[in-house]
PDB file of N, CA and C in Angstrom:
ATOM      1  N   MET A   1     -33.383  13.642  -9.611  1.00  0.00           N
ATOM      2  CA  MET A   1     -32.797  12.560  -8.823  1.00  0.00           C
ATOM      3  C   MET A   1     -32.126  11.508  -9.705  1.00  0.00           C
ATOM      4  N   THR A   2     -32.674  11.305 -10.906  1.00  0.00           N
ATOM      5  CA  THR A   2     -32.083  10.281 -11.777  1.00  0.00           C
ATOM      6  C   THR A   2     -30.687  10.667 -12.253  1.00  0.00           C
ATOM      7  N   PHE A   3     -30.356  11.976 -12.224  1.00  0.00           N
ATOM      8  CA  PHE A   3     -29.009  12.372 -12.604  1.00  0.00           C
ATOM      9  C   PHE A   3     -27.982  11.817 -11.613  1.00  0.00           C
ATOM     10  N   LEU A   4     -28.382  11.619 -10.356  1.00  0.00           N
ATOM     11  CA  LEU A   4     -27.482  11.013  -9.372  1.00  0.00           C
ATOM     12  C   LEU A   4     -27.199   9.551  -9.724  1.00  0.00           C
ATOM     13  N   ILE A   5     -28.195   8.872 -10.252  1.00  0.00           N
ATOM     14  CA  ILE A   5     -27.990   7.495 -10.711  1.00  0.00           C
ATOM     15  C   ILE A   5     -26.980   7.497 -11.849  1.00  0.00           C
ATOM     16  N   SER A   6     -27.098   8.455 -12.757  1.00  0.00           N
ATOM     17  CA  SER A   6     -26.139   8.558 -13.861  1.00  0.00           C
ATOM     18  C   SER A   6     -24.730   8.805 -13.330  1.00  0.00           C
ATOM     19  N   TYR A   7     -24.587   9.685 -12.344  1.00  0.00           N
ATOM     20  CA  TYR A   7     -23.266   9.943 -11.761  1.00  0.00           C
ATOM     21  C   TYR A   7     -22.691   8.673 -11.144  1.00  0.00           C
ATOM     22  N   ALA A   8     -23.521   7.939 -10.408  1.00  0.00           N
ATOM     23  CA  ALA A   8     -23.060   6.693  -9.781  1.00  0.00           C
ATOM     24  C   ALA A   8     -22.656   5.659 -10.839  1.00  0.00           C
ATOM     25  N   LEU A   9     -23.408   5.596 -11.915  1.00  0.00           N
ATOM     26  CA  LEU A   9     -23.091   4.633 -12.977  1.00  0.00           C
ATOM     27  C   LEU A   9     -21.800   5.001 -13.702  1.00  0.00           C
ATOM     28  N   VAL A  10     -21.535   6.276 -13.881  1.00  0.00           N
ATOM     29  CA  VAL A  10     -20.263   6.696 -14.488  1.00  0.00           C
ATOM     30  C   VAL A  10     -19.109   6.377 -13.534  1.00  0.00           C
ATOM     31  N   PHE A  11     -19.319   6.572 -12.246  1.00  0.00           N
ATOM     32  CA  PHE A  11     -18.320   6.200 -11.243  1.00  0.00           C
ATOM     33  C   PHE A  11     -18.003   4.704 -11.348  1.00  0.00           C
ATOM     34  N   LEU A  12     -19.042   3.881 -11.429  1.00  0.00           N
ATOM     35  CA  LEU A  12     -18.843   2.427 -11.559  1.00  0.00           C
ATOM     36  C   LEU A  12     -18.192   2.060 -12.890  1.00  0.00           C
ATOM     37  N   ALA A  13     -18.561   2.732 -13.956  1.00  0.00           N
ATOM     38  CA  ALA A  13     -17.958   2.458 -15.268  1.00  0.00           C
ATOM     39  C   ALA A  13     -16.454   2.718 -15.215  1.00  0.00           C
ATOM     40  N   ALA A  14     -16.052   3.809 -14.578  1.00  0.00           N
ATOM     41  CA  ALA A  14     -14.624   4.100 -14.448  1.00  0.00           C
ATOM     42  C   ALA A  14     -13.932   3.064 -13.570  1.00  0.00           C
ATOM     43  N   PHE A  15     -14.607   2.590 -12.529  1.00  0.00           N
ATOM     44  CA  PHE A  15     -14.067   1.508 -11.705  1.00  0.00           C
ATOM     45  C   PHE A  15     -13.791   0.275 -12.559  1.00  0.00           C
ATOM     46  N   PHE A  16     -14.763  -0.130 -13.364  1.00  0.00           N
ATOM     47  CA  PHE A  16     -14.586  -1.315 -14.204  1.00  0.00           C
ATOM     48  C   PHE A  16     -13.504  -1.103 -15.257  1.00  0.00           C
ATOM     49  N   ASP A  17     -13.368   0.120 -15.765  1.00  0.00           N
ATOM     50  CA  ASP A  17     -12.293   0.419 -16.704  1.00  0.00           C
ATOM     51  C   ASP A  17     -10.933   0.319 -16.007  1.00  0.00           C
ATOM     52  N   ALA A  18     -10.864   0.756 -14.761  1.00  0.00           N
ATOM     53  CA  ALA A  18      -9.623   0.634 -13.991  1.00  0.00           C
ATOM     54  C   ALA A  18      -9.266  -0.831 -13.775  1.00  0.00           C
ATOM     55  N   VAL A  19     -10.268  -1.674 -13.532  1.00  0.00           N
ATOM     56  CA  VAL A  19     -10.009  -3.113 -13.406  1.00  0.00           C
ATOM     57  C   VAL A  19      -9.427  -3.647 -14.714  1.00  0.00           C
ATOM     58  N   CYS A  20     -10.034  -3.279 -15.844  1.00  0.00           N
ATOM     59  CA  CYS A  20      -9.535  -3.725 -17.158  1.00  0.00           C
ATOM     60  C   CYS A  20      -8.078  -3.353 -17.339  1.00  0.00           C
ATOM     61  N   ASP A  21      -7.748  -2.099 -17.061  1.00  0.00           N
ATOM     62  CA  ASP A  21      -6.372  -1.646 -17.253  1.00  0.00           C
ATOM     63  C   ASP A  21      -5.413  -2.289 -16.256  1.00  0.00           C
ATOM     64  N   ALA A  22      -5.878  -2.557 -15.048  1.00  0.00           N
ATOM     65  CA  ALA A  22      -5.012  -3.137 -14.022  1.00  0.00           C
ATOM     66  C   ALA A  22      -4.689  -4.604 -14.279  1.00  0.00           C
ATOM     67  N   VAL A  23      -5.580  -5.333 -14.930  1.00  0.00           N
ATOM     68  CA  VAL A  23      -5.334  -6.767 -15.163  1.00  0.00           C
ATOM     69  C   VAL A  23      -4.746  -7.029 -16.547  1.00  0.00           C
ATOM     70  N   GLU A  24      -4.524  -5.965 -17.304  1.00  0.00           N
ATOM     71  CA  GLU A  24      -4.032  -6.108 -18.671  1.00  0.00           C
ATOM     72  C   GLU A  24      -2.509  -6.035 -18.704  1.00  0.00           C
ATOM     73  N   ASN A  25      -1.920  -6.943 -19.439  1.00  0.00           N
ATOM     74  CA  ASN A  25      -0.488  -6.957 -19.735  1.00  0.00           C
ATOM     75  C   ASN A  25       0.375  -6.881 -18.475  1.00  0.00           C
ATOM     76  N   GLU A  26       1.388  -6.013 -18.478  1.00  0.00           N
ATOM     77  CA  GLU A  26       2.326  -5.957 -17.352  1.00  0.00           C
ATOM     78  C   GLU A  26       1.753  -5.262 -16.125  1.00  0.00           C
ATOM     79  N   ASN A  27       0.698  -4.511 -16.291  1.00  0.00           N
ATOM     80  CA  ASN A  27       0.119  -3.784 -15.163  1.00  0.00           C
ATOM     81  C   ASN A  27      -0.273  -4.707 -14.025  1.00  0.00           C
ATOM     82  N   ILE A  28      -0.663  -5.902 -14.347  1.00  0.00           N
ATOM     83  CA  ILE A  28      -1.115  -6.825 -13.299  1.00  0.00           C
ATOM     84  C   ILE A  28       0.001  -7.133 -12.305  1.00  0.00           C
ATOM     85  N   ASN A  29       1.242  -7.104 -12.762  1.00  0.00           N
ATOM     86  CA  ASN A  29       2.379  -7.395 -11.881  1.00  0.00           C
ATOM     87  C   ASN A  29       2.619  -6.314 -10.841  1.00  0.00           C
ATOM     88  N   GLU A  30       2.030  -5.138 -11.032  1.00  0.00           N
ATOM     89  CA  GLU A  30       2.155  -4.047 -10.079  1.00  0.00           C
ATOM     90  C   GLU A  30       0.914  -3.900  -9.197  1.00  0.00           C
ATOM     91  N   SER A  31      -0.146  -4.582  -9.541  1.00  0.00           N
ATOM     92  CA  SER A  31      -1.427  -4.343  -8.878  1.00  0.00           C
ATOM     93  C   SER A  31      -1.720  -5.379  -7.798  1.00  0.00           C
ATOM     94  N   ILE A  32      -2.797  -5.149  -7.088  1.00  0.00           N
ATOM     95  CA  ILE A  32      -3.231  -6.103  -6.062  1.00  0.00           C
ATOM     96  C   ILE A  32      -3.664  -7.425  -6.684  1.00  0.00           C
ATOM     97  N   PHE A  33      -3.943  -7.413  -7.977  1.00  0.00           N
ATOM     98  CA  PHE A  33      -4.425  -8.614  -8.649  1.00  0.00           C
ATOM     99  C   PHE A  33      -3.322  -9.641  -8.908  1.00  0.00           C
ATOM    100  N   LYS A  34      -2.067  -9.278  -8.719  1.00  0.00           N
ATOM    101  CA  LYS A  34      -0.968 -10.217  -8.988  1.00  0.00           C
ATOM    102  C   LYS A  34      -1.016 -11.428  -8.061  1.00  0.00           C
ATOM    103  N   LYS A  35      -1.630 -11.298  -6.902  1.00  0.00           N
ATOM    104  CA  LYS A  35      -1.716 -12.396  -5.936  1.00  0.00           C
ATOM    105  C   LYS A  35      -2.971 -13.239  -6.127  1.00  0.00           C
ATOM    106  N   TRP A  36      -3.839 -12.812  -7.027  1.00  0.00           N
ATOM    107  CA  TRP A  36      -5.092 -13.525  -7.269  1.00  0.00           C
ATOM    108  C   TRP A  36      -4.901 -14.521  -8.393  1.00  0.00           C
ATOM    109  N   ASP A  37      -5.812 -15.439  -8.551  1.00  0.00           N
ATOM    110  CA  ASP A  37      -5.694 -16.504  -9.546  1.00  0.00           C
ATOM    111  C   ASP A  37      -5.525 -15.939 -10.959  1.00  0.00           C
ATOM    112  N   GLN A  38      -4.326 -16.110 -11.503  1.00  0.00           N
ATOM    113  CA  GLN A  38      -3.989 -15.552 -12.808  1.00  0.00           C
ATOM    114  C   GLN A  38      -4.772 -16.198 -13.943  1.00  0.00           C
ATOM    115  N   ARG A  39      -5.298 -17.388 -13.713  1.00  0.00           N
ATOM    116  CA  ARG A  39      -6.099 -18.050 -14.746  1.00  0.00           C
ATOM    117  C   ARG A  39      -7.399 -17.310 -15.011  1.00  0.00           C
ATOM    118  N   PHE A  40      -7.798 -16.471 -14.093  1.00  0.00           N
ATOM    119  CA  PHE A  40      -8.996 -15.651 -14.282  1.00  0.00           C
ATOM    120  C   PHE A  40      -8.648 -14.164 -14.422  1.00  0.00           C
ATOM    121  N   TRP A  41      -7.694 -13.679 -13.627  1.00  0.00           N
ATOM    122  CA  TRP A  41      -7.437 -12.247 -13.536  1.00  0.00           C
ATOM    123  C   TRP A  41      -6.462 -11.718 -14.574  1.00  0.00           C
ATOM    124  N   SER A  42      -5.496 -12.486 -14.996  1.00  0.00           N
ATOM    125  CA  SER A  42      -4.509 -11.998 -15.961  1.00  0.00           C
ATOM    126  C   SER A  42      -5.031 -12.164 -17.386  1.00  0.00           C
ATOM    127  N   LYS A  43      -5.087 -11.059 -18.120  1.00  0.00           N
ATOM    128  CA  LYS A  43      -5.587 -11.134 -19.491  1.00  0.00           C
ATOM    129  C   LYS A  43      -4.686 -12.016 -20.351  1.00  0.00           C
ATOM    130  N   ARG A  44      -3.391 -12.014 -20.058  1.00  0.00           N
ATOM    131  CA  ARG A  44      -2.445 -12.815 -20.840  1.00  0.00           C
ATOM    132  C   ARG A  44      -2.530 -14.309 -20.529  1.00  0.00           C
ATOM    133  N   GLU A  45      -3.059 -14.670 -19.389  1.00  0.00           N
ATOM    134  CA  GLU A  45      -3.153 -16.083 -19.005  1.00  0.00           C
ATOM    135  C   GLU A  45      -4.563 -16.645 -19.127  1.00  0.00           C
ATOM    136  N   SER A  46      -5.551 -15.821 -18.899  1.00  0.00           N
ATOM    137  CA  SER A  46      -6.916 -16.329 -18.807  1.00  0.00           C
ATOM    138  C   SER A  46      -7.405 -16.969 -20.103  1.00  0.00           C
ATOM    139  N   TRP A  47      -6.935 -16.502 -21.232  1.00  0.00           N
ATOM    140  CA  TRP A  47      -7.412 -17.066 -22.501  1.00  0.00           C
ATOM    141  C   TRP A  47      -7.079 -18.555 -22.615  1.00  0.00           C
ATOM    142  N   LYS A  48      -6.069 -19.005 -21.880  1.00  0.00           N
ATOM    143  CA  LYS A  48      -5.679 -20.417 -21.919  1.00  0.00           C
ATOM    144  C   LYS A  48      -6.618 -21.296 -21.087  1.00  0.00           C
ATOM    145  N   TYR A  49      -7.289 -20.710 -20.118  1.00  0.00           N
ATOM    146  CA  TYR A  49      -8.038 -21.496 -19.141  1.00  0.00           C
ATOM    147  C   TYR A  49      -9.552 -21.262 -19.153  1.00  0.00           C
ATOM    148  N   VAL A  50      -9.972 -20.047 -19.394  1.00  0.00           N
ATOM    149  CA  VAL A  50     -11.392 -19.722 -19.323  1.00  0.00           C
ATOM    150  C   VAL A  50     -12.080 -20.209 -20.589  1.00  0.00           C
ATOM    151  N   LYS A  51     -13.099 -20.988 -20.408  1.00  0.00           N
ATOM    152  CA  LYS A  51     -13.850 -21.534 -21.538  1.00  0.00           C
ATOM    153  C   LYS A  51     -14.858 -20.515 -22.057  1.00  0.00           C
ATOM    154  N   LYS A  52     -14.955 -20.411 -23.350  1.00  0.00           N
ATOM    155  CA  LYS A  52     -15.911 -19.492 -23.957  1.00  0.00           C
ATOM    156  C   LYS A  52     -17.338 -19.995 -23.754  1.00  0.00           C
ATOM    157  N   ILE A  53     -18.223 -19.043 -23.557  1.00  0.00           N
ATOM    158  CA  ILE A  53     -19.650 -19.328 -23.456  1.00  0.00           C
ATOM    159  C   ILE A  53     -20.320 -18.557 -24.588  1.00  0.00           C
ATOM    160  N   ILE A  54     -20.781 -19.262 -25.563  1.00  0.00           N
ATOM    161  CA  ILE A  54     -21.398 -18.675 -26.761  1.00  0.00           C
ATOM    162  C   ILE A  54     -20.483 -17.598 -27.360  1.00  0.00           C
ATOM    163  N   GLY A  55     -19.207 -17.924 -27.482  1.00  0.00           N
ATOM    164  CA  GLY A  55     -18.244 -17.011 -28.076  1.00  0.00           C
ATOM    165  C   GLY A  55     -17.730 -15.926 -27.148  1.00  0.00           C
ATOM    166  N   TYR A  56     -18.159 -15.920 -25.898  1.00  0.00           N
ATOM    167  CA  TYR A  56     -17.765 -14.894 -24.922  1.00  0.00           C
ATOM    168  C   TYR A  56     -16.857 -15.515 -23.879  1.00  0.00           C
ATOM    169  N   ARG A  57     -15.745 -14.849 -23.587  1.00  0.00           N
ATOM    170  CA  ARG A  57     -14.783 -15.362 -22.610  1.00  0.00           C
ATOM    171  C   ARG A  57     -15.012 -14.663 -21.264  1.00  0.00           C
ATOM    172  N   PRO A  58     -15.612 -15.357 -20.285  1.00  0.00           N
ATOM    173  CA  PRO A  58     -15.926 -14.719 -19.002  1.00  0.00           C
ATOM    174  C   PRO A  58     -14.728 -14.682 -18.039  1.00  0.00           C
ATOM    175  N   ASP A  59     -13.725 -13.899 -18.392  1.00  0.00           N
ATOM    176  CA  ASP A  59     -12.595 -13.680 -17.487  1.00  0.00           C
ATOM    177  C   ASP A  59     -12.702 -12.264 -16.918  1.00  0.00           C
ATOM    178  N   ALA A  60     -11.761 -11.888 -16.062  1.00  0.00           N
ATOM    179  CA  ALA A  60     -11.847 -10.592 -15.380  1.00  0.00           C
ATOM    180  C   ALA A  60     -11.884  -9.433 -16.364  1.00  0.00           C
ATOM    181  N   TRP A  61     -11.039  -9.476 -17.392  1.00  0.00           N
ATOM    182  CA  TRP A  61     -10.975  -8.363 -18.334  1.00  0.00           C
ATOM    183  C   TRP A  61     -12.289  -8.222 -19.099  1.00  0.00           C
ATOM    184  N   HIS A  62     -12.793  -9.311 -19.657  1.00  0.00           N
ATOM    185  CA  HIS A  62     -14.012  -9.241 -20.465  1.00  0.00           C
ATOM    186  C   HIS A  62     -15.248  -8.903 -19.626  1.00  0.00           C
ATOM    187  N   LEU A  63     -15.343  -9.465 -18.445  1.00  0.00           N
ATOM    188  CA  LEU A  63     -16.479  -9.149 -17.580  1.00  0.00           C
ATOM    189  C   LEU A  63     -16.449  -7.679 -17.155  1.00  0.00           C
ATOM    190  N   SER A  64     -15.261  -7.174 -16.838  1.00  0.00           N
ATOM    191  CA  SER A  64     -15.131  -5.770 -16.449  1.00  0.00           C
ATOM    192  C   SER A  64     -15.450  -4.843 -17.608  1.00  0.00           C
ATOM    193  N   LYS A  65     -14.974  -5.172 -18.792  1.00  0.00           N
ATOM    194  CA  LYS A  65     -15.255  -4.345 -19.969  1.00  0.00           C
ATOM    195  C   LYS A  65     -16.754  -4.340 -20.257  1.00  0.00           C
ATOM    196  N   SER A  66     -17.385  -5.490 -20.150  1.00  0.00           N
ATOM    197  CA  SER A  66     -18.832  -5.570 -20.373  1.00  0.00           C
ATOM    198  C   SER A  66     -19.595  -4.758 -19.331  1.00  0.00           C
ATOM    199  N   ALA A  67     -19.175  -4.858 -18.073  1.00  0.00           N
ATOM    200  CA  ALA A  67     -19.834  -4.100 -17.006  1.00  0.00           C
ATOM    201  C   ALA A  67     -19.661  -2.599 -17.229  1.00  0.00           C
ATOM    202  N   MET A  68     -18.477  -2.182 -17.704  1.00  0.00           N
ATOM    203  CA  MET A  68     -18.238  -0.778 -17.991  1.00  0.00           C
ATOM    204  C   MET A  68     -19.213  -0.270 -19.051  1.00  0.00           C
ATOM    205  N   ILE A  69     -19.358  -1.024 -20.128  1.00  0.00           N
ATOM    206  CA  ILE A  69     -20.247  -0.622 -21.217  1.00  0.00           C
ATOM    207  C   ILE A  69     -21.695  -0.574 -20.741  1.00  0.00           C
ATOM    208  N   ILE A  70     -22.106  -1.566 -19.965  1.00  0.00           N
ATOM    209  CA  ILE A  70     -23.475  -1.585 -19.432  1.00  0.00           C
ATOM    210  C   ILE A  70     -23.720  -0.371 -18.542  1.00  0.00           C
ATOM    211  N   CYS A  71     -22.758  -0.042 -17.685  1.00  0.00           N
ATOM    212  CA  CYS A  71     -22.909   1.129 -16.817  1.00  0.00           C
ATOM    213  C   CYS A  71     -23.016   2.418 -17.626  1.00  0.00           C
ATOM    214  N   LEU A  72     -22.220   2.549 -18.682  1.00  0.00           N
ATOM    215  CA  LEU A  72     -22.288   3.754 -19.510  1.00  0.00           C
ATOM    216  C   LEU A  72     -23.634   3.873 -20.224  1.00  0.00           C
ATOM    217  N   VAL A  73     -24.114   2.765 -20.747  1.00  0.00           N
ATOM    218  CA  VAL A  73     -25.425   2.790 -21.424  1.00  0.00           C
ATOM    219  C   VAL A  73     -26.525   3.134 -20.428  1.00  0.00           C
ATOM    220  N   LEU A  74     -26.489   2.540 -19.255  1.00  0.00           N
ATOM    221  CA  LEU A  74     -27.501   2.843 -18.237  1.00  0.00           C
ATOM    222  C   LEU A  74     -27.393   4.289 -17.758  1.00  0.00           C
ATOM    223  N   ALA A  75     -26.182   4.836 -17.690  1.00  0.00           N
ATOM    224  CA  ALA A  75     -26.008   6.237 -17.307  1.00  0.00           C
ATOM    225  C   ALA A  75     -26.699   7.148 -18.316  1.00  0.00           C
ATOM    226  N   ILE A  76     -26.622   6.780 -19.582  1.00  0.00           N
ATOM    227  CA  ILE A  76     -27.308   7.556 -20.626  1.00  0.00           C
ATOM    228  C   ILE A  76     -28.820   7.425 -20.470  1.00  0.00           C
ATOM    229  N   VAL A  77     -29.289   6.215 -20.219  1.00  0.00           N
ATOM    230  CA  VAL A  77     -30.726   5.974 -20.080  1.00  0.00           C
ATOM    231  C   VAL A  77     -31.300   6.760 -18.896  1.00  0.00           C
ATOM    232  N   PHE A  78     -30.590   6.795 -17.779  1.00  0.00           N
ATOM    233  CA  PHE A  78     -31.091   7.453 -16.576  1.00  0.00           C
ATOM    234  C   PHE A  78     -30.814   8.953 -16.533  1.00  0.00           C
ATOM    235  N   PHE A  79     -30.003   9.456 -17.438  1.00  0.00           N
ATOM    236  CA  PHE A  79     -29.595  10.864 -17.383  1.00  0.00           C
ATOM    237  C   PHE A  79     -30.777  11.800 -17.595  1.00  0.00           C
ATOM    238  N   ASP A  80     -30.866  12.773 -16.706  1.00  0.00           N
ATOM    239  CA  ASP A  80     -31.884  13.815 -16.784  1.00  0.00           C
ATOM    240  C   ASP A  80     -31.156  15.143 -16.593  1.00  0.00           C
ATOM    241  N   GLN A  81     -30.985  15.879 -17.674  1.00  0.00           N
ATOM    242  CA  GLN A  81     -30.162  17.087 -17.651  1.00  0.00           C
ATOM    243  C   GLN A  81     -30.736  18.136 -16.721  1.00  0.00           C
ATOM    244  N   LYS A  82     -29.902  18.568 -15.772  1.00  0.00           N
ATOM    245  CA  LYS A  82     -30.295  19.608 -14.819  1.00  0.00           C
ATOM    246  C   LYS A  82     -29.450  20.866 -15.001  1.00  0.00           C
ATOM    247  N   ASN A  83     -28.340  20.749 -15.685  1.00  0.00           N
ATOM    248  CA  ASN A  83     -27.406  21.859 -15.840  1.00  0.00           C
ATOM    249  C   ASN A  83     -27.232  22.190 -17.314  1.00  0.00           C
ATOM    250  N   ILE A  84     -26.486  23.258 -17.560  1.00  0.00           N
ATOM    251  CA  ILE A  84     -26.050  23.559 -18.921  1.00  0.00           C
ATOM    252  C   ILE A  84     -25.118  22.425 -19.334  1.00  0.00           C
ATOM    253  N   TRP A  85     -25.162  22.022 -20.605  1.00  0.00           N
ATOM    254  CA  TRP A  85     -24.473  20.814 -21.063  1.00  0.00           C
ATOM    255  C   TRP A  85     -23.006  20.780 -20.680  1.00  0.00           C
ATOM    256  N   TYR A  86     -22.294  21.901 -20.767  1.00  0.00           N
ATOM    257  CA  TYR A  86     -20.856  21.866 -20.485  1.00  0.00           C
ATOM    258  C   TYR A  86     -20.561  21.694 -18.999  1.00  0.00           C
ATOM    259  N   ILE A  87     -21.505  22.046 -18.152  1.00  0.00           N
ATOM    260  CA  ILE A  87     -21.335  21.768 -16.720  1.00  0.00           C
ATOM    261  C   ILE A  87     -21.463  20.263 -16.485  1.00  0.00           C
ATOM    262  N   ASP A  88     -22.440  19.639 -17.134  1.00  0.00           N
ATOM    263  CA  ASP A  88     -22.587  18.184 -17.016  1.00  0.00           C
ATOM    264  C   ASP A  88     -21.355  17.458 -17.557  1.00  0.00           C
ATOM    265  N   VAL A  89     -20.825  17.933 -18.663  1.00  0.00           N
ATOM    266  CA  VAL A  89     -19.602  17.319 -19.218  1.00  0.00           C
ATOM    267  C   VAL A  89     -18.476  17.401 -18.197  1.00  0.00           C
ATOM    268  N   GLY A  90     -18.332  18.558 -17.569  1.00  0.00           N
ATOM    269  CA  GLY A  90     -17.295  18.725 -16.547  1.00  0.00           C
ATOM    270  C   GLY A  90     -17.504  17.830 -15.347  1.00  0.00           C
ATOM    271  N   ILE A  91     -18.742  17.717 -14.905  1.00  0.00           N
ATOM    272  CA  ILE A  91     -19.054  16.859 -13.754  1.00  0.00           C
ATOM    273  C   ILE A  91     -18.764  15.398 -14.084  1.00  0.00           C
ATOM    274  N   PHE A  92     -19.262  14.942 -15.243  1.00  0.00           N
ATOM    275  CA  PHE A  92     -19.009  13.549 -15.630  1.00  0.00           C
ATOM    276  C   PHE A  92     -17.522  13.300 -15.828  1.00  0.00           C
ATOM    277  N   GLY A  93     -16.819  14.257 -16.419  1.00  0.00           N
ATOM    278  CA  GLY A  93     -15.370  14.107 -16.604  1.00  0.00           C
ATOM    279  C   GLY A  93     -14.635  13.998 -15.285  1.00  0.00           C
ATOM    280  N   PHE A  94     -15.025  14.851 -14.327  1.00  0.00           N
ATOM    281  CA  PHE A  94     -14.399  14.785 -13.011  1.00  0.00           C
ATOM    282  C   PHE A  94     -14.677  13.450 -12.336  1.00  0.00           C
ATOM    283  N   ILE A  95     -15.943  13.022 -12.367  1.00  0.00           N
ATOM    284  CA  ILE A  95     -16.307  11.745 -11.735  1.00  0.00           C
ATOM    285  C   ILE A  95     -15.506  10.608 -12.337  1.00  0.00           C
ATOM    286  N   TRP A  96     -15.433  10.559 -13.677  1.00  0.00           N
ATOM    287  CA  TRP A  96     -14.698   9.475 -14.351  1.00  0.00           C
ATOM    288  C   TRP A  96     -13.227   9.499 -13.950  1.00  0.00           C
ATOM    289  N   ASN A  97     -12.575  10.657 -14.094  1.00  0.00           N
ATOM    290  CA  ASN A  97     -11.141  10.744 -13.830  1.00  0.00           C
ATOM    291  C   ASN A  97     -10.798  10.492 -12.373  1.00  0.00           C
ATOM    292  N   PHE A  98     -11.610  11.024 -11.464  1.00  0.00           N
ATOM    293  CA  PHE A  98     -11.355  10.782 -10.048  1.00  0.00           C
ATOM    294  C   PHE A  98     -11.520   9.313  -9.704  1.00  0.00           C
ATOM    295  N   SER A  99     -12.610   8.705 -10.163  1.00  0.00           N
ATOM    296  CA  SER A  99     -12.867   7.294  -9.874  1.00  0.00           C
ATOM    297  C   SER A  99     -11.764   6.410 -10.448  1.00  0.00           C
ATOM    298  N   PHE A 100     -11.399   6.649 -11.694  1.00  0.00           N
ATOM    299  CA  PHE A 100     -10.345   5.841 -12.311  1.00  0.00           C
ATOM    300  C   PHE A 100      -9.036   5.986 -11.544  1.00  0.00           C
ATOM    301  N   TRP A 101      -8.645   7.220 -11.237  1.00  0.00           N
ATOM    302  CA  TRP A 101      -7.408   7.460 -10.493  1.00  0.00           C
ATOM    303  C   TRP A 101      -7.449   6.783  -9.122  1.00  0.00           C
ATOM    304  N   LEU A 102      -8.562   6.932  -8.424  1.00  0.00           N
ATOM    305  CA  LEU A 102      -8.712   6.360  -7.091  1.00  0.00           C
ATOM    306  C   LEU A 102      -8.490   4.853  -7.106  1.00  0.00           C
ATOM    307  N   PHE A 103      -9.161   4.166  -8.016  1.00  0.00           N
ATOM    308  CA  PHE A 103      -9.047   2.710  -8.043  1.00  0.00           C
ATOM    309  C   PHE A 103      -7.746   2.246  -8.676  1.00  0.00           C
ATOM    310  N   TYR A 104      -7.389   2.774  -9.822  1.00  0.00           N
ATOM    311  CA  TYR A 104      -6.215   2.293 -10.555  1.00  0.00           C
ATOM    312  C   TYR A 104      -4.927   2.564  -9.785  1.00  0.00           C
ATOM    313  N   ASN A 105      -4.735   3.790  -9.330  1.00  0.00           N
ATOM    314  CA  ASN A 105      -3.483   4.152  -8.673  1.00  0.00           C
ATOM    315  C   ASN A 105      -3.476   3.883  -7.188  1.00  0.00           C
ATOM    316  N   ARG A 106      -4.544   4.218  -6.507  1.00  0.00           N
ATOM    317  CA  ARG A 106      -4.537   4.125  -5.036  1.00  0.00           C
ATOM    318  C   ARG A 106      -4.956   2.746  -4.523  1.00  0.00           C
ATOM    319  N   ILE A 107      -6.081   2.258  -4.985  1.00  0.00           N
ATOM    320  CA  ILE A 107      -6.602   1.007  -4.417  1.00  0.00           C
ATOM    321  C   ILE A 107      -5.964  -0.222  -5.078  1.00  0.00           C
ATOM    322  N   PHE A 108      -5.866  -0.216  -6.414  1.00  0.00           N
ATOM    323  CA  PHE A 108      -5.274  -1.363  -7.110  1.00  0.00           C
ATOM    324  C   PHE A 108      -3.751  -1.308  -7.103  1.00  0.00           C
ATOM    325  N   GLY A 109      -3.167  -0.167  -6.840  1.00  0.00           N
ATOM    326  CA  GLY A 109      -1.726  -0.037  -6.650  1.00  0.00           C
ATOM    327  C   GLY A 109      -0.890  -0.022  -7.916  1.00  0.00           C
ATOM    328  N   VAL A 110      -1.465   0.269  -9.062  1.00  0.00           N
ATOM    329  CA  VAL A 110      -0.680   0.339 -10.296  1.00  0.00           C
ATOM    330  C   VAL A 110       0.006   1.705 -10.318  1.00  0.00           C
ATOM    331  N   LYS A 111       1.277   1.707 -10.616  1.00  0.00           N
ATOM    332  CA  LYS A 111       2.049   2.973 -10.643  1.00  0.00           C
ATOM    333  C   LYS A 111       1.977   3.640 -11.987  1.00  0.00           C
TER     334      LYS A 111
END
């Protein structure tokens, strides 16, 4: 059952990676985030406004990147191998690529 938690965490990690890519550089101008407060969501603008907390900048890009890393680490912690290793690699690869594509291209609207 814990392997399902790992799958869900990889799905979430890819979601957070899609957020990072969607708010970075010119991509934000194509995404749903272009209408949101650029002082937080745009990586190119947020550094001017978001105050560092103990050297950490809590803007959309940094929070999403941190959440992605946390999800990946937790996916490793919860992983309980049920298949031959290359089947798990394929499953995790599919979950990551599908989730990223779904959010980045379809939901966030980046072309």
